[in-house]
Amino acid sequence: MRYIPKIDDKEIKDNQGHFKERVSLYKKKGLDLLGSRRLIFEKAGPLEGSILEIGCGNGYASIVLAESGYDFVAVDPDQESLKTTALNLASRNLLRRVTLYAMDGKAMTFANKSFDNIIMIGLMHHVFEADEMFLETDRVLNQDGLLIIADFNEKGMQIIDSVHREEGRTHEKSETGKDYAYTFFHKLGYEVENFQDDCHWALICQKRIKP
């Protein structure tokens, strides 16, 4: 379902203050939420063609995509996350760059081979049924398309956990990690390149026809 955000100037201003605080807090602890995504996209190279972001969350990758001049589609099953992404983009006058959908990555309504690039950053530790989502990802990715999967490594997750503990919360973590994702897409015939920064691991996957 298409998500049309209903936001006003006060919400945008209030959210931007909270956003700056969060980014600053994580950066002080050693996790640059925006800088790490810029580095991942730089490593992947320029994105050509249509772009789908699965699991936009709070919109950190969405911000970097939009600031880089890309128009893209973003999906998330949580409407509060979609609204946060919209608010973060609106505060930068970049909301026009994204088309948002309230949609689960395990059951997308897009046609086969709809996108030339698919991005999943900071999502894997929330995914407990990875095979379903991975198969859906493969279905909607065009032949020779680019898939970028990235998530927190051990150091990054420790920082995330520490912030949640300070706030009296816990952070869910699945067992879906780099090795599982690498094996799954490699078996499908993808060419997979490993990359790691200080707080993230990343896989840059090119979809190929199996020999």
N, C-alpha and C. Protein backbone atom coordinates (compact mmCIF):
# COMPACT_ATOMS: atom_id res chain seq x y z
N MET A 1 0.84 -1.19 0.00
CA MET A 1 0.00 0.00 0.00
C MET A 1 0.88 1.25 0.00
N ARG A 2 0.59 2.17 -0.88
CA ARG A 2 1.33 3.43 -0.92
C ARG A 2 1.12 4.20 0.38
N TYR A 3 2.20 4.73 0.92
CA TYR A 3 2.12 5.50 2.16
C TYR A 3 2.30 6.97 1.83
N ILE A 4 1.31 7.76 2.13
CA ILE A 4 1.36 9.21 1.92
C ILE A 4 1.50 9.87 3.29
N PRO A 5 2.67 10.40 3.61
CA PRO A 5 2.86 10.96 4.96
C PRO A 5 2.05 12.22 5.18
N LYS A 6 1.46 12.31 6.37
CA LYS A 6 0.75 13.51 6.79
C LYS A 6 1.57 14.16 7.90
N ILE A 7 2.33 15.17 7.54
CA ILE A 7 3.25 15.80 8.48
C ILE A 7 3.12 17.32 8.38
N ASP A 8 3.45 17.99 9.47
CA ASP A 8 3.40 19.46 9.46
C ASP A 8 4.75 20.02 9.89
N ASP A 9 4.88 21.33 9.81
CA ASP A 9 6.16 21.99 10.08
C ASP A 9 6.64 21.75 11.51
N LYS A 10 5.71 21.74 12.46
CA LYS A 10 6.11 21.52 13.85
C LYS A 10 6.69 20.11 14.03
N GLU A 11 6.04 19.11 13.43
CA GLU A 11 6.55 17.75 13.52
C GLU A 11 7.94 17.64 12.90
N ILE A 12 8.11 18.30 11.77
CA ILE A 12 9.41 18.27 11.09
C ILE A 12 10.49 18.87 11.99
N LYS A 13 10.19 20.02 12.60
CA LYS A 13 11.16 20.69 13.47
C LYS A 13 11.47 19.86 14.71
N ASP A 14 10.43 19.34 15.36
CA ASP A 14 10.64 18.53 16.57
C ASP A 14 11.44 17.27 16.24
N ASN A 15 11.11 16.63 15.15
CA ASN A 15 11.82 15.42 14.77
C ASN A 15 13.28 15.71 14.45
N GLN A 16 13.54 16.83 13.80
CA GLN A 16 14.92 17.15 13.44
C GLN A 16 15.78 17.35 14.67
N GLY A 17 15.22 17.95 15.72
CA GLY A 17 15.98 18.09 16.96
C GLY A 17 16.32 16.75 17.56
N HIS A 18 15.36 15.83 17.57
CA HIS A 18 15.60 14.48 18.09
C HIS A 18 16.61 13.75 17.21
N PHE A 19 16.48 13.90 15.90
CA PHE A 19 17.40 13.24 14.97
C PHE A 19 18.85 13.68 15.22
N LYS A 20 19.05 14.96 15.36
CA LYS A 20 20.41 15.48 15.58
C LYS A 20 20.99 14.94 16.89
N GLU A 21 20.16 14.86 17.91
CA GLU A 21 20.62 14.33 19.19
C GLU A 21 21.05 12.87 19.06
N ARG A 22 20.25 12.07 18.35
CA ARG A 22 20.56 10.65 18.19
C ARG A 22 21.85 10.45 17.40
N VAL A 23 21.96 11.16 16.30
CA VAL A 23 23.16 11.04 15.46
C VAL A 23 24.40 11.44 16.25
N SER A 24 24.28 12.53 17.02
CA SER A 24 25.41 13.01 17.82
C SER A 24 25.78 12.00 18.91
N LEU A 25 24.77 11.43 19.57
CA LEU A 25 25.02 10.44 20.63
C LEU A 25 25.77 9.23 20.08
N TYR A 26 25.29 8.70 18.98
CA TYR A 26 25.95 7.52 18.40
C TYR A 26 27.35 7.86 17.91
N LYS A 27 27.51 9.04 17.35
CA LYS A 27 28.82 9.43 16.84
C LYS A 27 29.84 9.54 17.97
N LYS A 28 29.41 10.06 19.13
CA LYS A 28 30.29 10.15 20.28
C LYS A 28 30.74 8.78 20.76
N LYS A 29 29.89 7.78 20.55
CA LYS A 29 30.22 6.41 20.95
C LYS A 29 31.00 5.66 19.87
N GLY A 30 31.19 6.30 18.72
CA GLY A 30 32.01 5.69 17.68
C GLY A 30 31.26 5.17 16.47
N LEU A 31 29.95 5.44 16.40
CA LEU A 31 29.14 4.96 15.28
C LEU A 31 28.58 6.15 14.51
N ASP A 32 29.09 6.35 13.31
CA ASP A 32 28.64 7.44 12.43
C ASP A 32 27.55 6.89 11.53
N LEU A 33 26.30 7.13 11.88
CA LEU A 33 25.17 6.50 11.19
C LEU A 33 25.06 6.95 9.74
N LEU A 34 25.33 8.20 9.46
CA LEU A 34 25.26 8.69 8.08
C LEU A 34 26.56 8.45 7.33
N GLY A 35 27.68 8.70 7.99
CA GLY A 35 28.97 8.53 7.34
C GLY A 35 29.23 7.09 6.90
N SER A 36 28.78 6.13 7.72
CA SER A 36 28.99 4.73 7.37
C SER A 36 28.20 4.37 6.11
N ARG A 37 27.01 4.91 5.97
CA ARG A 37 26.20 4.62 4.79
C ARG A 37 26.80 5.28 3.55
N ARG A 38 27.33 6.47 3.71
CA ARG A 38 28.01 7.10 2.58
C ARG A 38 29.18 6.25 2.11
N LEU A 39 29.92 5.68 3.05
CA LEU A 39 31.06 4.85 2.71
C LEU A 39 30.62 3.58 2.00
N ILE A 40 29.53 2.97 2.45
CA ILE A 40 29.02 1.76 1.80
C ILE A 40 28.60 2.05 0.37
N PHE A 41 27.87 3.14 0.16
CA PHE A 41 27.45 3.49 -1.20
C PHE A 41 28.64 3.86 -2.08
N GLU A 42 29.63 4.51 -1.49
CA GLU A 42 30.84 4.83 -2.25
C GLU A 42 31.54 3.56 -2.71
N LYS A 43 31.59 2.57 -1.82
CA LYS A 43 32.22 1.30 -2.17
C LYS A 43 31.45 0.58 -3.28
N ALA A 44 30.14 0.66 -3.24
CA ALA A 44 29.31 -0.01 -4.25
C ALA A 44 29.40 0.68 -5.61
N GLY A 45 29.69 1.97 -5.62
CA GLY A 45 29.77 2.70 -6.87
C GLY A 45 28.44 3.33 -7.24
N PRO A 46 28.41 4.13 -8.30
CA PRO A 46 27.17 4.80 -8.72
C PRO A 46 26.06 3.79 -9.00
N LEU A 47 24.85 4.13 -8.57
CA LEU A 47 23.70 3.27 -8.81
C LEU A 47 23.02 3.71 -10.10
N GLU A 48 22.82 2.77 -11.01
CA GLU A 48 22.20 3.09 -12.29
C GLU A 48 20.85 2.40 -12.38
N GLY A 49 19.82 3.16 -12.73
CA GLY A 49 18.50 2.58 -12.87
C GLY A 49 17.67 2.73 -11.61
N SER A 50 16.60 1.96 -11.53
CA SER A 50 15.65 2.07 -10.43
C SER A 50 16.22 1.50 -9.14
N ILE A 51 15.76 2.05 -8.00
CA ILE A 51 16.30 1.70 -6.69
C ILE A 51 15.16 1.37 -5.73
N LEU A 52 15.30 0.28 -5.01
CA LEU A 52 14.38 -0.10 -3.94
C LEU A 52 15.16 -0.22 -2.64
N GLU A 53 14.70 0.45 -1.60
CA GLU A 53 15.25 0.27 -0.26
C GLU A 53 14.26 -0.55 0.55
N ILE A 54 14.70 -1.70 1.05
CA ILE A 54 13.85 -2.55 1.87
C ILE A 54 14.18 -2.30 3.34
N GLY A 55 13.18 -1.91 4.12
CA GLY A 55 13.39 -1.64 5.54
C GLY A 55 14.06 -0.31 5.77
N CYS A 56 13.37 0.79 5.46
CA CYS A 56 14.00 2.10 5.56
C CYS A 56 14.21 2.54 7.01
N GLY A 57 13.47 1.94 7.96
CA GLY A 57 13.70 2.24 9.37
C GLY A 57 13.58 3.72 9.68
N ASN A 58 14.60 4.30 10.29
CA ASN A 58 14.59 5.72 10.63
C ASN A 58 15.09 6.62 9.51
N GLY A 59 15.46 6.02 8.38
CA GLY A 59 15.74 6.82 7.20
C GLY A 59 17.18 7.25 7.01
N TYR A 60 18.13 6.63 7.69
CA TYR A 60 19.53 7.06 7.54
C TYR A 60 20.03 6.81 6.12
N ALA A 61 19.80 5.61 5.59
CA ALA A 61 20.22 5.33 4.22
C ALA A 61 19.40 6.15 3.23
N SER A 62 18.12 6.37 3.55
CA SER A 62 17.26 7.17 2.67
C SER A 62 17.81 8.58 2.53
N ILE A 63 18.29 9.15 3.62
CA ILE A 63 18.87 10.49 3.58
C ILE A 63 20.07 10.52 2.64
N VAL A 64 20.95 9.55 2.77
CA VAL A 64 22.16 9.52 1.95
C VAL A 64 21.81 9.33 0.48
N LEU A 65 20.85 8.44 0.19
CA LEU A 65 20.42 8.25 -1.19
C LEU A 65 19.87 9.55 -1.77
N ALA A 66 18.97 10.20 -1.02
CA ALA A 66 18.35 11.42 -1.52
C ALA A 66 19.36 12.55 -1.67
N GLU A 67 20.27 12.68 -0.71
CA GLU A 67 21.30 13.71 -0.80
C GLU A 67 22.22 13.48 -1.99
N SER A 68 22.34 12.22 -2.41
CA SER A 68 23.19 11.88 -3.56
C SER A 68 22.47 12.10 -4.89
N GLY A 69 21.21 12.51 -4.83
CA GLY A 69 20.47 12.84 -6.03
C GLY A 69 19.64 11.72 -6.62
N TYR A 70 19.50 10.62 -5.89
CA TYR A 70 18.72 9.48 -6.40
C TYR A 70 17.23 9.64 -6.08
N ASP A 71 16.40 9.21 -7.02
CA ASP A 71 14.99 8.98 -6.76
C ASP A 71 14.82 7.49 -6.51
N PHE A 72 13.99 7.11 -5.52
CA PHE A 72 13.94 5.71 -5.14
C PHE A 72 12.61 5.37 -4.48
N VAL A 73 12.37 4.08 -4.35
CA VAL A 73 11.22 3.54 -3.64
C VAL A 73 11.73 2.95 -2.33
N ALA A 74 10.99 3.18 -1.23
CA ALA A 74 11.37 2.61 0.06
C ALA A 74 10.15 1.93 0.68
N VAL A 75 10.38 0.75 1.26
CA VAL A 75 9.29 0.02 1.90
C VAL A 75 9.66 -0.31 3.34
N ASP A 76 8.65 -0.37 4.18
CA ASP A 76 8.80 -0.79 5.56
C ASP A 76 7.41 -1.19 6.05
N PRO A 77 7.29 -2.28 6.83
CA PRO A 77 5.97 -2.66 7.31
C PRO A 77 5.45 -1.76 8.44
N ASP A 78 6.33 -0.97 9.05
CA ASP A 78 5.98 -0.14 10.19
C ASP A 78 5.71 1.29 9.74
N GLN A 79 4.50 1.76 9.89
CA GLN A 79 4.15 3.10 9.43
C GLN A 79 4.82 4.20 10.24
N GLU A 80 5.15 3.92 11.50
CA GLU A 80 5.89 4.92 12.28
C GLU A 80 7.29 5.12 11.71
N SER A 81 7.91 4.03 11.26
CA SER A 81 9.22 4.15 10.63
C SER A 81 9.12 4.93 9.32
N LEU A 82 8.09 4.66 8.55
CA LEU A 82 7.89 5.39 7.30
C LEU A 82 7.70 6.89 7.58
N LYS A 83 6.95 7.20 8.63
CA LYS A 83 6.75 8.61 8.96
C LYS A 83 8.05 9.27 9.40
N THR A 84 8.86 8.55 10.19
CA THR A 84 10.15 9.10 10.61
C THR A 84 11.05 9.36 9.42
N THR A 85 11.08 8.41 8.48
CA THR A 85 11.86 8.61 7.25
C THR A 85 11.36 9.84 6.50
N ALA A 86 10.05 9.96 6.38
CA ALA A 86 9.47 11.12 5.69
C ALA A 86 9.85 12.42 6.38
N LEU A 87 9.79 12.45 7.70
CA LEU A 87 10.14 13.66 8.45
C LEU A 87 11.61 14.03 8.26
N ASN A 88 12.48 13.02 8.30
CA ASN A 88 13.91 13.28 8.13
C ASN A 88 14.22 13.79 6.73
N LEU A 89 13.53 13.28 5.73
CA LEU A 89 13.74 13.77 4.37
C LEU A 89 13.12 15.15 4.18
N ALA A 90 11.94 15.36 4.76
CA ALA A 90 11.27 16.65 4.62
C ALA A 90 12.10 17.78 5.23
N SER A 91 12.79 17.51 6.32
CA SER A 91 13.60 18.55 6.96
C SER A 91 14.76 18.99 6.08
N ARG A 92 15.09 18.18 5.08
CA ARG A 92 16.15 18.52 4.13
C ARG A 92 15.60 18.87 2.75
N ASN A 93 14.29 19.02 2.67
CA ASN A 93 13.61 19.31 1.40
C ASN A 93 13.89 18.23 0.36
N LEU A 94 13.89 16.98 0.81
CA LEU A 94 14.22 15.86 -0.07
C LEU A 94 13.11 14.82 -0.15
N LEU A 95 11.96 15.11 0.43
CA LEU A 95 10.88 14.13 0.46
C LEU A 95 10.41 13.76 -0.95
N ARG A 96 10.56 14.67 -1.89
CA ARG A 96 10.13 14.41 -3.27
C ARG A 96 10.92 13.27 -3.90
N ARG A 97 12.06 12.93 -3.34
CA ARG A 97 12.93 11.91 -3.93
C ARG A 97 12.43 10.49 -3.70
N VAL A 98 11.53 10.29 -2.74
CA VAL A 98 11.15 8.92 -2.34
C VAL A 98 9.67 8.67 -2.54
N THR A 99 9.35 7.45 -2.93
CA THR A 99 7.98 6.94 -2.93
C THR A 99 7.92 5.86 -1.87
N LEU A 100 7.07 6.04 -0.87
CA LEU A 100 7.03 5.16 0.29
C LEU A 100 5.87 4.17 0.19
N TYR A 101 6.13 2.95 0.66
CA TYR A 101 5.09 1.92 0.72
C TYR A 101 5.11 1.25 2.08
N ALA A 102 3.93 1.06 2.67
CA ALA A 102 3.80 0.22 3.86
C ALA A 102 3.73 -1.21 3.38
N MET A 103 4.85 -1.90 3.45
CA MET A 103 4.95 -3.21 2.82
C MET A 103 6.04 -4.04 3.51
N ASP A 104 5.75 -5.32 3.68
CA ASP A 104 6.70 -6.25 4.27
C ASP A 104 7.64 -6.76 3.18
N GLY A 105 8.93 -6.74 3.45
CA GLY A 105 9.90 -7.23 2.49
C GLY A 105 9.77 -8.70 2.16
N LYS A 106 9.03 -9.44 2.98
CA LYS A 106 8.83 -10.87 2.72
C LYS A 106 7.66 -11.13 1.78
N ALA A 107 6.86 -10.11 1.49
CA ALA A 107 5.68 -10.29 0.64
C ALA A 107 5.41 -8.99 -0.11
N MET A 108 6.26 -8.67 -1.05
CA MET A 108 6.14 -7.42 -1.80
C MET A 108 5.20 -7.60 -3.00
N THR A 109 4.51 -6.55 -3.36
CA THR A 109 3.54 -6.62 -4.45
C THR A 109 4.12 -6.14 -5.78
N PHE A 110 5.41 -5.85 -5.82
CA PHE A 110 6.04 -5.42 -7.06
C PHE A 110 6.16 -6.59 -8.03
N ALA A 111 6.15 -6.29 -9.30
CA ALA A 111 6.30 -7.32 -10.33
C ALA A 111 7.72 -7.88 -10.33
N ASN A 112 7.88 -9.05 -10.93
CA ASN A 112 9.20 -9.64 -11.08
C ASN A 112 10.13 -8.67 -11.80
N LYS A 113 11.39 -8.64 -11.35
CA LYS A 113 12.44 -7.84 -12.00
C LYS A 113 12.04 -6.38 -12.14
N SER A 114 11.51 -5.81 -11.06
CA SER A 114 11.04 -4.42 -11.08
C SER A 114 12.16 -3.40 -10.85
N PHE A 115 13.26 -3.82 -10.20
CA PHE A 115 14.28 -2.86 -9.77
C PHE A 115 15.67 -3.28 -10.22
N ASP A 116 16.49 -2.26 -10.52
CA ASP A 116 17.87 -2.50 -10.92
C ASP A 116 18.82 -2.53 -9.73
N ASN A 117 18.40 -1.96 -8.61
CA ASN A 117 19.22 -1.92 -7.39
C ASN A 117 18.32 -2.13 -6.18
N ILE A 118 18.79 -2.95 -5.24
CA ILE A 118 18.06 -3.12 -3.98
C ILE A 118 19.03 -2.93 -2.83
N ILE A 119 18.57 -2.21 -1.81
CA ILE A 119 19.42 -1.85 -0.67
C ILE A 119 18.75 -2.30 0.62
N MET A 120 19.52 -2.96 1.47
CA MET A 120 19.06 -3.34 2.81
C MET A 120 20.19 -3.03 3.78
N ILE A 121 20.05 -1.96 4.53
CA ILE A 121 21.10 -1.56 5.46
C ILE A 121 20.52 -1.45 6.87
N GLY A 122 21.15 -2.16 7.81
CA GLY A 122 20.69 -2.13 9.19
C GLY A 122 19.41 -2.91 9.42
N LEU A 123 19.13 -3.84 8.52
CA LEU A 123 17.88 -4.59 8.59
C LEU A 123 18.05 -6.02 9.09
N MET A 124 19.16 -6.66 8.76
CA MET A 124 19.29 -8.10 8.96
C MET A 124 19.08 -8.54 10.40
N HIS A 125 19.51 -7.72 11.36
CA HIS A 125 19.37 -8.16 12.76
C HIS A 125 17.91 -8.11 13.23
N HIS A 126 17.01 -7.57 12.38
CA HIS A 126 15.58 -7.59 12.69
C HIS A 126 14.85 -8.74 11.99
N VAL A 127 15.54 -9.46 11.11
CA VAL A 127 14.87 -10.43 10.24
C VAL A 127 15.01 -11.84 10.81
N PHE A 128 13.88 -12.47 11.08
CA PHE A 128 13.87 -13.82 11.64
C PHE A 128 13.40 -14.86 10.62
N GLU A 129 12.97 -14.43 9.46
CA GLU A 129 12.59 -15.34 8.38
C GLU A 129 13.31 -14.89 7.11
N ALA A 130 14.61 -15.04 7.13
CA ALA A 130 15.44 -14.44 6.09
C ALA A 130 15.19 -15.06 4.72
N ASP A 131 14.98 -16.37 4.65
CA ASP A 131 14.84 -17.01 3.35
C ASP A 131 13.69 -16.41 2.55
N GLU A 132 12.56 -16.16 3.22
CA GLU A 132 11.41 -15.58 2.53
C GLU A 132 11.75 -14.22 1.94
N MET A 133 12.40 -13.39 2.72
CA MET A 133 12.73 -12.06 2.25
C MET A 133 13.80 -12.09 1.15
N PHE A 134 14.78 -12.97 1.31
CA PHE A 134 15.82 -13.09 0.31
C PHE A 134 15.25 -13.56 -1.04
N LEU A 135 14.32 -14.51 -1.00
CA LEU A 135 13.69 -14.97 -2.24
C LEU A 135 12.86 -13.86 -2.89
N GLU A 136 12.18 -13.08 -2.07
CA GLU A 136 11.42 -11.94 -2.60
C GLU A 136 12.37 -10.91 -3.20
N THR A 137 13.49 -10.68 -2.53
CA THR A 137 14.48 -9.74 -3.04
C THR A 137 14.99 -10.19 -4.40
N ASP A 138 15.32 -11.47 -4.50
CA ASP A 138 15.79 -12.00 -5.78
C ASP A 138 14.72 -11.88 -6.86
N ARG A 139 13.47 -12.09 -6.49
CA ARG A 139 12.37 -12.03 -7.46
C ARG A 139 12.22 -10.65 -8.08
N VAL A 140 12.30 -9.60 -7.25
CA VAL A 140 12.02 -8.26 -7.77
C VAL A 140 13.28 -7.56 -8.30
N LEU A 141 14.45 -8.19 -8.14
CA LEU A 141 15.69 -7.60 -8.65
C LEU A 141 15.91 -8.01 -10.10
N ASN A 142 16.20 -7.05 -10.93
CA ASN A 142 16.42 -7.30 -12.35
C ASN A 142 17.69 -8.11 -12.58
N GLN A 143 17.75 -8.80 -13.71
CA GLN A 143 18.96 -9.53 -14.05
C GLN A 143 20.14 -8.56 -14.16
N ASP A 144 21.28 -8.96 -13.63
CA ASP A 144 22.48 -8.13 -13.55
C ASP A 144 22.31 -6.96 -12.59
N GLY A 145 21.25 -7.01 -11.78
CA GLY A 145 21.02 -5.95 -10.81
C GLY A 145 21.99 -6.01 -9.64
N LEU A 146 22.04 -4.92 -8.88
CA LEU A 146 22.95 -4.80 -7.75
C LEU A 146 22.17 -4.87 -6.44
N LEU A 147 22.66 -5.70 -5.52
CA LEU A 147 22.06 -5.85 -4.20
C LEU A 147 23.10 -5.46 -3.15
N ILE A 148 22.75 -4.53 -2.29
CA ILE A 148 23.64 -4.10 -1.20
C ILE A 148 22.99 -4.49 0.12
N ILE A 149 23.67 -5.35 0.87
CA ILE A 149 23.20 -5.76 2.19
C ILE A 149 24.26 -5.37 3.21
N ALA A 150 23.86 -4.68 4.26
CA ALA A 150 24.83 -4.28 5.29
C ALA A 150 24.14 -4.24 6.64
N ASP A 151 24.91 -4.50 7.66
CA ASP A 151 24.38 -4.43 9.02
C ASP A 151 25.54 -4.20 9.98
N PHE A 152 25.21 -4.07 11.25
CA PHE A 152 26.24 -3.79 12.26
C PHE A 152 27.11 -5.02 12.49
N ASN A 153 28.41 -4.80 12.61
CA ASN A 153 29.30 -5.86 13.06
C ASN A 153 29.28 -5.89 14.59
N GLU A 154 30.16 -6.65 15.19
CA GLU A 154 30.12 -6.81 16.65
C GLU A 154 30.30 -5.47 17.37
N LYS A 155 31.23 -4.66 16.90
CA LYS A 155 31.44 -3.36 17.54
C LYS A 155 30.21 -2.47 17.39
N GLY A 156 29.66 -2.43 16.18
CA GLY A 156 28.48 -1.60 15.95
C GLY A 156 27.31 -2.03 16.80
N MET A 157 27.11 -3.34 16.92
CA MET A 157 25.99 -3.84 17.71
C MET A 157 26.18 -3.53 19.19
N GLN A 158 27.42 -3.58 19.66
CA GLN A 158 27.67 -3.23 21.06
C GLN A 158 27.30 -1.78 21.34
N ILE A 159 27.56 -0.90 20.40
CA ILE A 159 27.21 0.51 20.57
C ILE A 159 25.69 0.67 20.57
N ILE A 160 25.03 0.01 19.63
CA ILE A 160 23.57 0.05 19.58
C ILE A 160 22.97 -0.44 20.90
N ASP A 161 23.46 -1.58 21.37
CA ASP A 161 22.95 -2.16 22.61
C ASP A 161 23.18 -1.23 23.81
N SER A 162 24.33 -0.58 23.82
CA SER A 162 24.64 0.29 24.97
C SER A 162 23.67 1.47 25.04
N VAL A 163 23.31 2.03 23.90
CA VAL A 163 22.35 3.15 23.88
C VAL A 163 20.99 2.66 24.34
N HIS A 164 20.57 1.50 23.85
CA HIS A 164 19.27 0.97 24.26
C HIS A 164 19.23 0.67 25.76
N ARG A 165 20.33 0.14 26.30
CA ARG A 165 20.36 -0.13 27.74
C ARG A 165 20.24 1.15 28.54
N GLU A 166 20.92 2.21 28.10
CA GLU A 166 20.85 3.49 28.80
C GLU A 166 19.43 4.05 28.79
N GLU A 167 18.67 3.67 27.77
CA GLU A 167 17.29 4.15 27.65
C GLU A 167 16.29 3.17 28.25
N GLY A 168 16.80 2.09 28.87
CA GLY A 168 15.93 1.12 29.50
C GLY A 168 15.21 0.22 28.51
N ARG A 169 15.80 0.04 27.34
CA ARG A 169 15.19 -0.79 26.32
C ARG A 169 16.13 -1.91 25.92
N THR A 170 15.60 -2.89 25.19
CA THR A 170 16.42 -3.95 24.62
C THR A 170 16.29 -3.88 23.11
N HIS A 171 17.30 -4.40 22.44
CA HIS A 171 17.33 -4.35 20.97
C HIS A 171 17.27 -5.76 20.43
N GLU A 172 16.28 -6.03 19.59
CA GLU A 172 16.12 -7.38 19.06
C GLU A 172 17.27 -7.72 18.11
N LYS A 173 17.66 -8.98 18.15
CA LYS A 173 18.76 -9.43 17.28
C LYS A 173 18.45 -10.84 16.79
N SER A 174 18.41 -11.02 15.49
CA SER A 174 18.24 -12.35 14.93
C SER A 174 19.63 -12.94 14.67
N GLU A 175 19.65 -14.16 14.19
CA GLU A 175 20.91 -14.82 13.89
C GLU A 175 21.30 -14.65 12.42
N THR A 176 20.54 -13.85 11.69
CA THR A 176 20.83 -13.64 10.27
C THR A 176 21.99 -12.67 10.13
N GLY A 177 23.14 -13.17 9.72
CA GLY A 177 24.32 -12.34 9.60
C GLY A 177 24.95 -12.40 8.23
N LYS A 178 26.16 -11.90 8.16
CA LYS A 178 26.87 -11.81 6.88
C LYS A 178 27.06 -13.17 6.24
N ASP A 179 27.49 -14.16 7.01
CA ASP A 179 27.79 -15.48 6.42
C ASP A 179 26.55 -16.12 5.83
N TYR A 180 25.43 -15.99 6.52
CA TYR A 180 24.19 -16.59 6.02
C TYR A 180 23.77 -15.92 4.72
N ALA A 181 23.79 -14.58 4.70
CA ALA A 181 23.40 -13.86 3.50
C ALA A 181 24.35 -14.15 2.35
N TYR A 182 25.64 -14.21 2.64
CA TYR A 182 26.63 -14.51 1.59
C TYR A 182 26.34 -15.86 0.97
N THR A 183 26.15 -16.88 1.80
CA THR A 183 25.92 -18.23 1.30
C THR A 183 24.65 -18.31 0.48
N PHE A 184 23.58 -17.66 0.94
CA PHE A 184 22.29 -17.72 0.25
C PHE A 184 22.41 -17.16 -1.16
N PHE A 185 22.96 -15.97 -1.29
CA PHE A 185 23.00 -15.34 -2.61
C PHE A 185 24.09 -15.91 -3.50
N HIS A 186 25.16 -16.38 -2.90
CA HIS A 186 26.21 -17.04 -3.70
C HIS A 186 25.66 -18.30 -4.35
N LYS A 187 24.83 -19.05 -3.62
CA LYS A 187 24.22 -20.26 -4.18
C LYS A 187 23.26 -19.95 -5.32
N LEU A 188 22.67 -18.75 -5.29
CA LEU A 188 21.78 -18.34 -6.38
C LEU A 188 22.54 -17.88 -7.62
N GLY A 189 23.85 -17.78 -7.49
CA GLY A 189 24.66 -17.38 -8.63
C GLY A 189 25.10 -15.93 -8.62
N TYR A 190 24.89 -15.25 -7.50
CA TYR A 190 25.34 -13.86 -7.40
C TYR A 190 26.86 -13.81 -7.22
N GLU A 191 27.47 -12.79 -7.79
CA GLU A 191 28.86 -12.47 -7.47
C GLU A 191 28.85 -11.59 -6.23
N VAL A 192 29.53 -12.02 -5.18
CA VAL A 192 29.41 -11.34 -3.88
C VAL A 192 30.77 -10.83 -3.43
N GLU A 193 30.81 -9.54 -3.13
CA GLU A 193 32.04 -8.91 -2.62
C GLU A 193 31.83 -8.52 -1.18
N ASN A 194 32.78 -8.86 -0.31
CA ASN A 194 32.72 -8.50 1.11
C ASN A 194 33.36 -7.14 1.33
N PHE A 195 32.80 -6.40 2.26
CA PHE A 195 33.36 -5.11 2.63
C PHE A 195 33.05 -4.87 4.10
N GLN A 196 33.96 -4.23 4.82
CA GLN A 196 33.71 -3.93 6.22
C GLN A 196 34.32 -2.59 6.59
N ASP A 197 33.53 -1.77 7.32
CA ASP A 197 34.09 -0.57 7.91
C ASP A 197 34.21 -0.79 9.42
N ASP A 198 34.35 0.27 10.18
CA ASP A 198 34.62 0.11 11.60
C ASP A 198 33.45 -0.53 12.35
N CYS A 199 32.23 -0.24 11.93
CA CYS A 199 31.06 -0.71 12.69
C CYS A 199 30.07 -1.52 11.85
N HIS A 200 30.36 -1.75 10.59
CA HIS A 200 29.44 -2.48 9.72
C HIS A 200 30.16 -3.54 8.90
N TRP A 201 29.41 -4.57 8.53
CA TRP A 201 29.81 -5.45 7.43
C TRP A 201 28.88 -5.15 6.27
N ALA A 202 29.35 -5.43 5.07
CA ALA A 202 28.52 -5.18 3.89
C ALA A 202 28.83 -6.22 2.82
N LEU A 203 27.80 -6.59 2.08
CA LEU A 203 27.92 -7.45 0.92
C LEU A 203 27.42 -6.69 -0.29
N ILE A 204 28.22 -6.65 -1.32
CA ILE A 204 27.84 -6.01 -2.57
C ILE A 204 27.69 -7.12 -3.59
N CYS A 205 26.45 -7.38 -3.99
CA CYS A 205 26.10 -8.59 -4.74
C CYS A 205 25.58 -8.23 -6.13
N GLN A 206 26.16 -8.85 -7.14
CA GLN A 206 25.70 -8.66 -8.51
C GLN A 206 24.96 -9.91 -8.97
N LYS A 207 23.73 -9.70 -9.42
CA LYS A 207 22.89 -10.85 -9.81
C LYS A 207 23.35 -11.37 -11.18
N ARG A 208 23.70 -12.65 -11.25
CA ARG A 208 24.14 -13.28 -12.48
C ARG A 208 23.33 -14.55 -12.71
N ILE A 209 23.27 -14.98 -13.96
CA ILE A 209 22.64 -16.24 -14.29
C ILE A 209 23.58 -17.37 -13.89
N LYS A 210 23.06 -18.37 -13.18
CA LYS A 210 23.90 -19.49 -12.78
C LYS A 210 24.34 -20.26 -14.03
N PRO A 211 25.62 -20.69 -14.09
CA PRO A 211 26.10 -21.44 -15.25
C PRO A 211 25.45 -22.80 -15.33
